[in-house]
Amino acid sequence: MAYVISEDCIACGTCIDECPMGAISEGDIYVIDADACTECGTCADVCPSGAISQG
């Protein structure tokens, strides 16, 4: 199951730089494209606000 970003997202951009698939889009709260996500978990590992988890 793809990772998802919760409302705890602070839109810092850390996850975008780390995603090897480019599956994360910017916004007030960032969004992960479930079809592009390979479930590697890199984004969740680097998120400073703990806003990313497996959906």
N, C-alpha and C. Protein backbone atom coordinates (compact mmCIF):
# COMPACT_ATOMS: atom_id res chain seq x y z
N MET A 1 0.85 -1.19 0.00
CA MET A 1 0.00 0.00 0.00
C MET A 1 0.89 1.24 0.00
N ALA A 2 0.57 2.19 -0.83
CA ALA A 2 1.36 3.41 -0.99
C ALA A 2 1.38 4.23 0.30
N TYR A 3 2.38 5.06 0.41
CA TYR A 3 2.48 5.97 1.55
C TYR A 3 1.54 7.15 1.34
N VAL A 4 1.09 7.75 2.43
CA VAL A 4 0.22 8.92 2.40
C VAL A 4 0.77 9.98 3.34
N ILE A 5 0.40 11.23 3.07
CA ILE A 5 0.85 12.35 3.88
C ILE A 5 -0.36 12.92 4.62
N SER A 6 -0.24 13.05 5.94
CA SER A 6 -1.34 13.54 6.76
C SER A 6 -1.35 15.06 6.86
N GLU A 7 -2.34 15.58 7.55
CA GLU A 7 -2.45 17.03 7.75
C GLU A 7 -1.36 17.58 8.65
N ASP A 8 -0.52 16.71 9.23
CA ASP A 8 0.61 17.16 10.03
C ASP A 8 1.75 17.69 9.17
N CYS A 9 1.61 17.56 7.85
CA CYS A 9 2.63 18.02 6.90
C CYS A 9 2.87 19.52 7.07
N ILE A 10 4.16 19.90 7.14
CA ILE A 10 4.53 21.31 7.27
C ILE A 10 5.07 21.87 5.95
N ALA A 11 4.95 21.09 4.88
CA ALA A 11 5.36 21.51 3.53
C ALA A 11 6.81 22.01 3.48
N CYS A 12 7.70 21.27 4.13
CA CYS A 12 9.10 21.68 4.18
C CYS A 12 9.89 21.28 2.92
N GLY A 13 9.39 20.27 2.19
CA GLY A 13 10.04 19.86 0.96
C GLY A 13 11.07 18.76 1.11
N THR A 14 11.35 18.33 2.31
CA THR A 14 12.37 17.30 2.53
C THR A 14 12.04 16.02 1.78
N CYS A 15 10.79 15.61 1.81
CA CYS A 15 10.40 14.34 1.18
C CYS A 15 10.53 14.39 -0.34
N ILE A 16 10.25 15.53 -0.94
CA ILE A 16 10.33 15.65 -2.39
C ILE A 16 11.75 15.37 -2.87
N ASP A 17 12.72 15.91 -2.17
CA ASP A 17 14.12 15.73 -2.56
C ASP A 17 14.56 14.27 -2.43
N GLU A 18 13.93 13.52 -1.53
CA GLU A 18 14.35 12.15 -1.27
C GLU A 18 13.61 11.09 -2.08
N CYS A 19 12.45 11.41 -2.62
CA CYS A 19 11.65 10.42 -3.34
C CYS A 19 12.32 10.04 -4.67
N PRO A 20 12.74 8.77 -4.81
CA PRO A 20 13.42 8.37 -6.05
C PRO A 20 12.49 8.28 -7.26
N MET A 21 11.19 8.26 -7.03
CA MET A 21 10.22 8.12 -8.11
C MET A 21 9.57 9.44 -8.52
N GLY A 22 9.82 10.50 -7.78
CA GLY A 22 9.18 11.78 -8.07
C GLY A 22 7.68 11.73 -7.87
N ALA A 23 7.25 10.94 -6.89
CA ALA A 23 5.82 10.69 -6.67
C ALA A 23 5.15 11.72 -5.77
N ILE A 24 5.89 12.70 -5.27
CA ILE A 24 5.34 13.66 -4.31
C ILE A 24 5.15 15.01 -4.98
N SER A 25 3.96 15.58 -4.78
CA SER A 25 3.61 16.89 -5.35
C SER A 25 3.50 17.92 -4.24
N GLU A 26 3.94 19.15 -4.56
CA GLU A 26 3.86 20.25 -3.61
C GLU A 26 2.44 20.77 -3.47
N GLY A 27 2.20 21.45 -2.34
CA GLY A 27 0.92 22.08 -2.06
C GLY A 27 0.91 22.52 -0.61
N ASP A 28 -0.22 22.97 -0.12
CA ASP A 28 -0.31 23.33 1.29
C ASP A 28 0.03 22.12 2.15
N ILE A 29 -0.49 20.98 1.71
CA ILE A 29 -0.10 19.68 2.26
C ILE A 29 0.35 18.87 1.05
N TYR A 30 1.52 18.30 1.12
CA TYR A 30 2.04 17.56 -0.01
C TYR A 30 1.22 16.28 -0.23
N VAL A 31 1.27 15.77 -1.46
CA VAL A 31 0.48 14.60 -1.83
C VAL A 31 1.39 13.58 -2.53
N ILE A 32 1.19 12.30 -2.21
CA ILE A 32 1.93 11.23 -2.85
C ILE A 32 1.03 10.55 -3.87
N ASP A 33 1.53 10.43 -5.10
CA ASP A 33 0.81 9.74 -6.17
C ASP A 33 0.92 8.24 -5.91
N ALA A 34 -0.20 7.61 -5.53
CA ALA A 34 -0.21 6.20 -5.16
C ALA A 34 0.25 5.30 -6.31
N ASP A 35 -0.02 5.71 -7.53
CA ASP A 35 0.38 4.89 -8.69
C ASP A 35 1.89 4.94 -8.93
N ALA A 36 2.53 6.02 -8.54
CA ALA A 36 3.97 6.17 -8.75
C ALA A 36 4.79 5.69 -7.55
N CYS A 37 4.17 5.64 -6.38
CA CYS A 37 4.86 5.25 -5.15
C CYS A 37 5.27 3.78 -5.20
N THR A 38 6.54 3.49 -4.89
CA THR A 38 7.03 2.11 -4.87
C THR A 38 7.14 1.57 -3.45
N GLU A 39 6.62 2.33 -2.48
CA GLU A 39 6.58 1.91 -1.08
C GLU A 39 7.97 1.70 -0.49
N CYS A 40 8.94 2.51 -0.92
CA CYS A 40 10.31 2.35 -0.40
C CYS A 40 10.45 2.89 1.02
N GLY A 41 9.60 3.86 1.39
CA GLY A 41 9.63 4.39 2.75
C GLY A 41 10.63 5.50 2.99
N THR A 42 11.37 5.88 1.98
CA THR A 42 12.39 6.92 2.14
C THR A 42 11.76 8.23 2.62
N CYS A 43 10.61 8.57 2.07
CA CYS A 43 9.95 9.82 2.44
C CYS A 43 9.58 9.83 3.93
N ALA A 44 9.05 8.71 4.40
CA ALA A 44 8.65 8.61 5.81
C ALA A 44 9.87 8.70 6.72
N ASP A 45 10.98 8.13 6.29
CA ASP A 45 12.21 8.15 7.10
C ASP A 45 12.76 9.55 7.30
N VAL A 46 12.56 10.44 6.31
CA VAL A 46 13.14 11.78 6.41
C VAL A 46 12.16 12.86 6.87
N CYS A 47 10.88 12.54 6.99
CA CYS A 47 9.88 13.55 7.35
C CYS A 47 10.08 14.04 8.78
N PRO A 48 10.38 15.33 8.97
CA PRO A 48 10.63 15.84 10.32
C PRO A 48 9.37 15.96 11.19
N SER A 49 8.20 15.97 10.57
CA SER A 49 6.98 16.10 11.36
C SER A 49 6.24 14.77 11.53
N GLY A 50 6.80 13.69 11.00
CA GLY A 50 6.17 12.38 11.13
C GLY A 50 4.83 12.29 10.43
N ALA A 51 4.68 13.06 9.35
CA ALA A 51 3.39 13.17 8.66
C ALA A 51 3.17 12.11 7.59
N ILE A 52 4.16 11.24 7.35
CA ILE A 52 4.05 10.26 6.28
C ILE A 52 4.01 8.86 6.86
N SER A 53 3.01 8.10 6.41
CA SER A 53 2.87 6.72 6.86
C SER A 53 2.29 5.88 5.73
N GLN A 54 2.35 4.56 5.89
CA GLN A 54 1.77 3.70 4.89
C GLN A 54 0.26 3.78 5.00
N GLY A 55 -0.39 3.98 3.85
CA GLY A 55 -1.83 4.14 3.82
C GLY A 55 -2.47 2.82 3.72
